[in-house]
Amino acid sequence: VSIETKTNLDIEAAPSFISIFPCIPMPTLTPPPLNANLATTRLEFDRASQGIKRPEVQLLAAGEAIFRFASSRNQQTGQSIPSTEWAKGAWWVRESEYRKIIARHQSGRLPLGTVARAAVAVQPSWSNMDVSIKATVVKDIYVYVGQGSTQYRDQMPNGMFVTLKGWPDVQQIYIPGMRSTSFTAIRVLRQKIVTTNDFGF
């Protein structure tokens, strides 16, 4: 019985598995958008419909810039809100809508926060509107979009009642789940305090 021994030369000369079957690049799997089934689940639809008319499900694509006006204090308690919480609200606008607000602010004398309040119909008891936030979308996410709904009869410190209709040419964004996974869809680029006033309309 003979035992055949392979030399190093034999091993080196043998074709490798890799050379016979070269690596085939695997396709890159794109993760599904966040809130992928929003049209079916209707997550937070009732809350969205309180602020916008006929909420429509739309995709916010990665790379889009979005903007928000927030409050540095709780309007009910007067306590300061940590800056880490300012961007966690659901209400935003796209850059095109933000530019409309900026343009009207620059063409008049009202503070930016006050102009923004009128544009998106935010009652004074809800928000001080003294923080401007810019963020970029880093993950595709489905959201609700629509024109702001009229907000009625918020009482001012002087006893007057305020009705805010919002601007008909401004579409608002409502992002469901911002207190959980949806917040990972954005990256905050800028937060700054802006001027407003006590009456806010």
C-alpha atoms as a PDB file:
ATOM      1  CA  VAL A   1       0.000   0.000   0.000  1.00  0.00           C
ATOM      2  CA  SER A   2       1.471   3.358  -0.976  1.00  0.00           C
ATOM      3  CA  ILE A   3       0.702   6.585   0.841  1.00  0.00           C
ATOM      4  CA  GLU A   4       0.683   9.623  -1.415  1.00  0.00           C
ATOM      5  CA  THR A   5       2.007  12.744   0.208  1.00  0.00           C
ATOM      6  CA  LYS A   6       1.221  16.206  -1.187  1.00  0.00           C
ATOM      7  CA  THR A   7       4.112  18.611  -1.267  1.00  0.00           C
ATOM      8  CA  ASN A   8       3.857  22.349  -0.664  1.00  0.00           C
ATOM      9  CA  LEU A   9       4.251  22.786  -4.397  1.00  0.00           C
ATOM     10  CA  ASP A  10       1.226  20.609  -5.045  1.00  0.00           C
ATOM     11  CA  ILE A  11      -0.863  22.640  -2.612  1.00  0.00           C
ATOM     12  CA  GLU A  12       0.219  25.959  -4.064  1.00  0.00           C
ATOM     13  CA  ALA A  13      -0.445  24.772  -7.588  1.00  0.00           C
ATOM     14  CA  ALA A  14      -3.955  23.590  -6.779  1.00  0.00           C
ATOM     15  CA  PRO A  15      -6.622  26.134  -7.743  1.00  0.00           C
ATOM     16  CA  SER A  16      -8.234  27.745  -4.721  1.00  0.00           C
ATOM     17  CA  PHE A  17     -11.951  27.755  -4.031  1.00  0.00           C
ATOM     18  CA  ILE A  18     -11.907  31.532  -4.202  1.00  0.00           C
ATOM     19  CA  SER A  19     -10.329  31.558  -7.673  1.00  0.00           C
ATOM     20  CA  ILE A  20     -12.903  29.093  -8.967  1.00  0.00           C
ATOM     21  CA  PHE A  21     -15.830  30.837  -7.309  1.00  0.00           C
ATOM     22  CA  PRO A  22     -14.938  34.523  -7.016  1.00  0.00           C
ATOM     23  CA  CYS A  23     -16.777  36.547  -4.390  1.00  0.00           C
ATOM     24  CA  ILE A  24     -20.048  37.921  -5.656  1.00  0.00           C
ATOM     25  CA  PRO A  25     -20.958  41.201  -3.962  1.00  0.00           C
ATOM     26  CA  MET A  26     -24.131  40.926  -1.920  1.00  0.00           C
ATOM     27  CA  PRO A  27     -26.828  43.475  -2.674  1.00  0.00           C
ATOM     28  CA  THR A  28     -27.107  46.271  -0.138  1.00  0.00           C
ATOM     29  CA  LEU A  29     -30.341  45.936   1.772  1.00  0.00           C
ATOM     30  CA  THR A  30     -32.090  49.247   2.352  1.00  0.00           C
ATOM     31  CA  PRO A  31     -33.996  49.255   5.645  1.00  0.00           C
ATOM     32  CA  PRO A  32     -37.696  49.993   5.321  1.00  0.00           C
ATOM     33  CA  PRO A  33     -38.830  53.513   6.254  1.00  0.00           C
ATOM     34  CA  LEU A  34     -39.872  54.140   9.828  1.00  0.00           C
ATOM     35  CA  ASN A  35     -43.655  54.166  10.331  1.00  0.00           C
ATOM     36  CA  ALA A  36     -43.801  52.012   7.182  1.00  0.00           C
ATOM     37  CA  ASN A  37     -47.425  50.973   7.759  1.00  0.00           C
ATOM     38  CA  LEU A  38     -48.676  54.364   8.897  1.00  0.00           C
ATOM     39  CA  ALA A  39     -51.570  54.384   6.430  1.00  0.00           C
ATOM     40  CA  THR A  40     -52.824  51.171   8.055  1.00  0.00           C
ATOM     41  CA  THR A  41     -51.873  51.636  11.705  1.00  0.00           C
ATOM     42  CA  ARG A  42     -52.970  55.294  11.755  1.00  0.00           C
ATOM     43  CA  LEU A  43     -50.571  55.848  14.635  1.00  0.00           C
ATOM     44  CA  GLU A  44     -51.514  59.035  16.522  1.00  0.00           C
ATOM     45  CA  PHE A  45     -53.926  59.950  13.723  1.00  0.00           C
ATOM     46  CA  ASP A  46     -56.448  61.476  16.139  1.00  0.00           C
ATOM     47  CA  ARG A  47     -53.831  63.810  17.586  1.00  0.00           C
ATOM     48  CA  ALA A  48     -52.571  64.780  14.146  1.00  0.00           C
ATOM     49  CA  SER A  49     -56.096  65.546  12.949  1.00  0.00           C
ATOM     50  CA  GLN A  50     -56.564  68.011  15.806  1.00  0.00           C
ATOM     51  CA  GLY A  51     -53.823  70.177  14.340  1.00  0.00           C
ATOM     52  CA  ILE A  52     -54.077  69.635  10.581  1.00  0.00           C
ATOM     53  CA  LYS A  53     -56.955  69.190   8.185  1.00  0.00           C
ATOM     54  CA  ARG A  54     -57.310  65.820   6.452  1.00  0.00           C
ATOM     55  CA  PRO A  55     -53.885  64.414   7.403  1.00  0.00           C
ATOM     56  CA  GLU A  56     -52.221  62.762   4.416  1.00  0.00           C
ATOM     57  CA  VAL A  57     -49.505  60.130   4.770  1.00  0.00           C
ATOM     58  CA  GLN A  58     -46.304  61.226   3.012  1.00  0.00           C
ATOM     59  CA  LEU A  59     -42.681  60.124   3.010  1.00  0.00           C
ATOM     60  CA  LEU A  60     -40.021  62.333   4.561  1.00  0.00           C
ATOM     61  CA  ALA A  61     -36.885  61.271   2.716  1.00  0.00           C
ATOM     62  CA  ALA A  62     -33.412  61.123   4.192  1.00  0.00           C
ATOM     63  CA  GLY A  63     -31.575  64.336   3.394  1.00  0.00           C
ATOM     64  CA  GLU A  64     -34.580  66.653   3.708  1.00  0.00           C
ATOM     65  CA  ALA A  65     -34.294  69.654   6.022  1.00  0.00           C
ATOM     66  CA  ILE A  66     -37.148  70.247   8.450  1.00  0.00           C
ATOM     67  CA  PHE A  67     -37.824  73.048  10.925  1.00  0.00           C
ATOM     68  CA  ARG A  68     -39.698  73.439  14.180  1.00  0.00           C
ATOM     69  CA  PHE A  69     -40.671  76.246  16.535  1.00  0.00           C
ATOM     70  CA  ALA A  70     -40.714  75.097  20.138  1.00  0.00           C
ATOM     71  CA  SER A  71     -41.027  76.470  23.652  1.00  0.00           C
ATOM     72  CA  SER A  72     -38.255  76.931  26.196  1.00  0.00           C
ATOM     73  CA  ARG A  73     -40.749  76.708  29.040  1.00  0.00           C
ATOM     74  CA  ASN A  74     -43.899  74.838  29.973  1.00  0.00           C
ATOM     75  CA  GLN A  75     -46.739  77.289  29.440  1.00  0.00           C
ATOM     76  CA  GLN A  76     -48.880  75.680  32.140  1.00  0.00           C
ATOM     77  CA  THR A  77     -46.307  75.462  34.941  1.00  0.00           C
ATOM     78  CA  GLY A  78     -43.781  78.101  33.904  1.00  0.00           C
ATOM     79  CA  GLN A  79     -40.937  75.628  34.367  1.00  0.00           C
ATOM     80  CA  SER A  80     -38.028  75.568  31.926  1.00  0.00           C
ATOM     81  CA  ILE A  81     -37.945  72.764  29.369  1.00  0.00           C
ATOM     82  CA  PRO A  82     -34.477  71.205  28.906  1.00  0.00           C
ATOM     83  CA  SER A  83     -32.959  71.943  25.517  1.00  0.00           C
ATOM     84  CA  THR A  84     -32.601  68.194  24.977  1.00  0.00           C
ATOM     85  CA  GLU A  85     -36.401  68.005  24.772  1.00  0.00           C
ATOM     86  CA  TRP A  86     -37.054  70.871  22.351  1.00  0.00           C
ATOM     87  CA  ALA A  87     -36.749  68.780  19.189  1.00  0.00           C
ATOM     88  CA  LYS A  88     -38.842  65.862  20.456  1.00  0.00           C
ATOM     89  CA  GLY A  89     -42.151  67.441  19.504  1.00  0.00           C
ATOM     90  CA  ALA A  90     -44.200  66.038  16.636  1.00  0.00           C
ATOM     91  CA  TRP A  91     -44.891  69.287  14.753  1.00  0.00           C
ATOM     92  CA  TRP A  92     -42.519  70.435  11.978  1.00  0.00           C
ATOM     93  CA  VAL A  93     -42.504  72.128   8.568  1.00  0.00           C
ATOM     94  CA  ARG A  94     -40.452  71.549   5.431  1.00  0.00           C
ATOM     95  CA  GLU A  95     -37.847  74.098   4.385  1.00  0.00           C
ATOM     96  CA  SER A  96     -40.089  75.644   1.713  1.00  0.00           C
ATOM     97  CA  GLU A  97     -42.690  76.455   4.378  1.00  0.00           C
ATOM     98  CA  TYR A  98     -40.071  77.732   6.791  1.00  0.00           C
ATOM     99  CA  ARG A  99     -38.824  80.128   4.097  1.00  0.00           C
ATOM    100  CA  LYS A 100     -42.321  81.600   3.799  1.00  0.00           C
ATOM    101  CA  ILE A 101     -42.336  82.310   7.529  1.00  0.00           C
ATOM    102  CA  ILE A 102     -38.882  83.900   7.381  1.00  0.00           C
ATOM    103  CA  ALA A 103     -39.843  86.046   4.384  1.00  0.00           C
ATOM    104  CA  ARG A 104     -42.937  87.453   6.096  1.00  0.00           C
ATOM    105  CA  HIS A 105     -41.018  88.043   9.311  1.00  0.00           C
ATOM    106  CA  GLN A 106     -38.337  89.985   7.422  1.00  0.00           C
ATOM    107  CA  SER A 107     -40.918  92.058   5.563  1.00  0.00           C
ATOM    108  CA  GLY A 108     -42.629  93.231   8.762  1.00  0.00           C
ATOM    109  CA  ARG A 109     -41.947  94.202  12.360  1.00  0.00           C
ATOM    110  CA  LEU A 110     -43.330  91.259  14.304  1.00  0.00           C
ATOM    111  CA  PRO A 111     -40.944  88.902  16.136  1.00  0.00           C
ATOM    112  CA  LEU A 112     -40.129  85.643  14.358  1.00  0.00           C
ATOM    113  CA  GLY A 113     -41.834  83.494  16.986  1.00  0.00           C
ATOM    114  CA  THR A 114     -44.999  85.551  16.678  1.00  0.00           C
ATOM    115  CA  VAL A 115     -45.076  85.229  12.894  1.00  0.00           C
ATOM    116  CA  ALA A 116     -44.495  81.479  13.189  1.00  0.00           C
ATOM    117  CA  ARG A 117     -47.357  81.216  15.696  1.00  0.00           C
ATOM    118  CA  ALA A 118     -49.748  82.773  13.207  1.00  0.00           C
ATOM    119  CA  ALA A 119     -48.440  80.625  10.349  1.00  0.00           C
ATOM    120  CA  VAL A 120     -48.959  77.271  12.054  1.00  0.00           C
ATOM    121  CA  ALA A 121     -51.840  78.220  14.408  1.00  0.00           C
ATOM    122  CA  VAL A 122     -50.216  77.532  17.774  1.00  0.00           C
ATOM    123  CA  GLN A 123     -52.145  78.967  20.697  1.00  0.00           C
ATOM    124  CA  PRO A 124     -50.173  80.898  23.355  1.00  0.00           C
ATOM    125  CA  SER A 125     -51.200  78.418  26.060  1.00  0.00           C
ATOM    126  CA  TRP A 126     -49.463  75.597  24.158  1.00  0.00           C
ATOM    127  CA  SER A 127     -46.051  77.031  23.344  1.00  0.00           C
ATOM    128  CA  ASN A 128     -43.991  80.160  23.833  1.00  0.00           C
ATOM    129  CA  MET A 129     -42.649  79.759  20.256  1.00  0.00           C
ATOM    130  CA  ASP A 130     -39.283  81.145  21.321  1.00  0.00           C
ATOM    131  CA  VAL A 131     -37.037  78.368  19.980  1.00  0.00           C
ATOM    132  CA  SER A 132     -36.141  77.762  16.329  1.00  0.00           C
ATOM    133  CA  ILE A 133     -34.861  74.290  15.413  1.00  0.00           C
ATOM    134  CA  LYS A 134     -33.348  72.978  12.207  1.00  0.00           C
ATOM    135  CA  ALA A 135     -32.891  69.239  11.651  1.00  0.00           C
ATOM    136  CA  THR A 136     -32.042  66.916   8.814  1.00  0.00           C
ATOM    137  CA  VAL A 137     -33.841  63.659   8.127  1.00  0.00           C
ATOM    138  CA  VAL A 138     -31.370  60.760   8.366  1.00  0.00           C
ATOM    139  CA  LYS A 139     -33.820  57.882   7.900  1.00  0.00           C
ATOM    140  CA  ASP A 140     -36.799  57.705   5.571  1.00  0.00           C
ATOM    141  CA  ILE A 141     -39.968  58.015   7.625  1.00  0.00           C
ATOM    142  CA  TYR A 142     -43.679  58.241   6.902  1.00  0.00           C
ATOM    143  CA  VAL A 143     -45.493  61.191   8.463  1.00  0.00           C
ATOM    144  CA  TYR A 144     -48.778  63.085   8.295  1.00  0.00           C
ATOM    145  CA  VAL A 145     -48.928  66.304   6.285  1.00  0.00           C
ATOM    146  CA  GLY A 146     -51.703  68.851   5.961  1.00  0.00           C
ATOM    147  CA  GLN A 147     -52.858  72.435   6.279  1.00  0.00           C
ATOM    148  CA  GLY A 148     -53.234  73.685   9.827  1.00  0.00           C
ATOM    149  CA  SER A 149     -56.654  73.572  11.464  1.00  0.00           C
ATOM    150  CA  THR A 150     -58.244  76.665  13.006  1.00  0.00           C
ATOM    151  CA  GLN A 151     -57.614  76.815  16.761  1.00  0.00           C
ATOM    152  CA  TYR A 152     -60.343  78.553  18.746  1.00  0.00           C
ATOM    153  CA  ARG A 153     -60.723  80.651  21.863  1.00  0.00           C
ATOM    154  CA  ASP A 154     -57.468  80.627  23.726  1.00  0.00           C
ATOM    155  CA  GLN A 155     -57.777  83.259  26.471  1.00  0.00           C
ATOM    156  CA  MET A 156     -54.997  85.812  26.744  1.00  0.00           C
ATOM    157  CA  PRO A 157     -53.724  87.369  30.008  1.00  0.00           C
ATOM    158  CA  ASN A 158     -55.747  90.512  29.239  1.00  0.00           C
ATOM    159  CA  GLY A 159     -58.958  88.475  28.977  1.00  0.00           C
ATOM    160  CA  MET A 160     -59.209  88.570  25.194  1.00  0.00           C
ATOM    161  CA  PHE A 161     -59.924  85.373  23.278  1.00  0.00           C
ATOM    162  CA  VAL A 162     -57.777  84.412  20.323  1.00  0.00           C
ATOM    163  CA  THR A 163     -58.631  82.376  17.248  1.00  0.00           C
ATOM    164  CA  LEU A 164     -55.739  81.330  15.025  1.00  0.00           C
ATOM    165  CA  LYS A 165     -56.488  80.022  11.543  1.00  0.00           C
ATOM    166  CA  GLY A 166     -52.971  79.347  10.281  1.00  0.00           C
ATOM    167  CA  TRP A 167     -51.777  80.271   6.816  1.00  0.00           C
ATOM    168  CA  PRO A 168     -53.527  78.478   3.958  1.00  0.00           C
ATOM    169  CA  ASP A 169     -50.268  78.215   1.997  1.00  0.00           C
ATOM    170  CA  VAL A 170     -48.328  76.457   4.763  1.00  0.00           C
ATOM    171  CA  GLN A 171     -48.392  72.670   5.083  1.00  0.00           C
ATOM    172  CA  GLN A 172     -47.469  71.226   8.456  1.00  0.00           C
ATOM    173  CA  ILE A 173     -45.806  67.913   9.302  1.00  0.00           C
ATOM    174  CA  TYR A 174     -46.826  65.668  12.175  1.00  0.00           C
ATOM    175  CA  ILE A 175     -44.274  62.935  12.972  1.00  0.00           C
ATOM    176  CA  PRO A 176     -45.857  60.112  15.011  1.00  0.00           C
ATOM    177  CA  GLY A 177     -43.706  58.376  17.594  1.00  0.00           C
ATOM    178  CA  MET A 178     -41.287  61.223  18.287  1.00  0.00           C
ATOM    179  CA  ARG A 179     -41.052  60.172  21.930  1.00  0.00           C
ATOM    180  CA  SER A 180     -39.749  56.768  20.829  1.00  0.00           C
ATOM    181  CA  THR A 181     -38.187  55.383  17.641  1.00  0.00           C
ATOM    182  CA  SER A 182     -39.185  58.206  15.288  1.00  0.00           C
ATOM    183  CA  PHE A 183     -36.738  60.589  16.965  1.00  0.00           C
ATOM    184  CA  THR A 184     -33.899  58.492  15.501  1.00  0.00           C
ATOM    185  CA  ALA A 185     -35.040  59.583  12.023  1.00  0.00           C
ATOM    186  CA  ILE A 186     -33.691  63.109  12.501  1.00  0.00           C
ATOM    187  CA  ARG A 187     -30.440  64.795  13.471  1.00  0.00           C
ATOM    188  CA  VAL A 188     -30.667  68.233  15.048  1.00  0.00           C
ATOM    189  CA  LEU A 189     -28.405  70.748  13.340  1.00  0.00           C
ATOM    190  CA  ARG A 190     -29.292  73.944  15.165  1.00  0.00           C
ATOM    191  CA  GLN A 191     -31.344  75.191  18.109  1.00  0.00           C
ATOM    192  CA  LYS A 192     -31.560  78.868  18.968  1.00  0.00           C
ATOM    193  CA  ILE A 193     -33.710  81.215  20.986  1.00  0.00           C
ATOM    194  CA  VAL A 194     -35.790  83.626  18.908  1.00  0.00           C
ATOM    195  CA  THR A 195     -37.885  86.628  19.830  1.00  0.00           C
ATOM    196  CA  THR A 196     -41.597  86.408  20.447  1.00  0.00           C
ATOM    197  CA  ASN A 197     -44.120  88.360  22.509  1.00  0.00           C
ATOM    198  CA  ASP A 198     -46.654  87.640  25.220  1.00  0.00           C
ATOM    199  CA  PHE A 199     -49.701  87.972  22.998  1.00  0.00           C
ATOM    200  CA  GLY A 200     -48.382  85.951  20.096  1.00  0.00           C
ATOM    201  CA  PHE A 201     -50.729  86.965  17.283  1.00  0.00           C
END
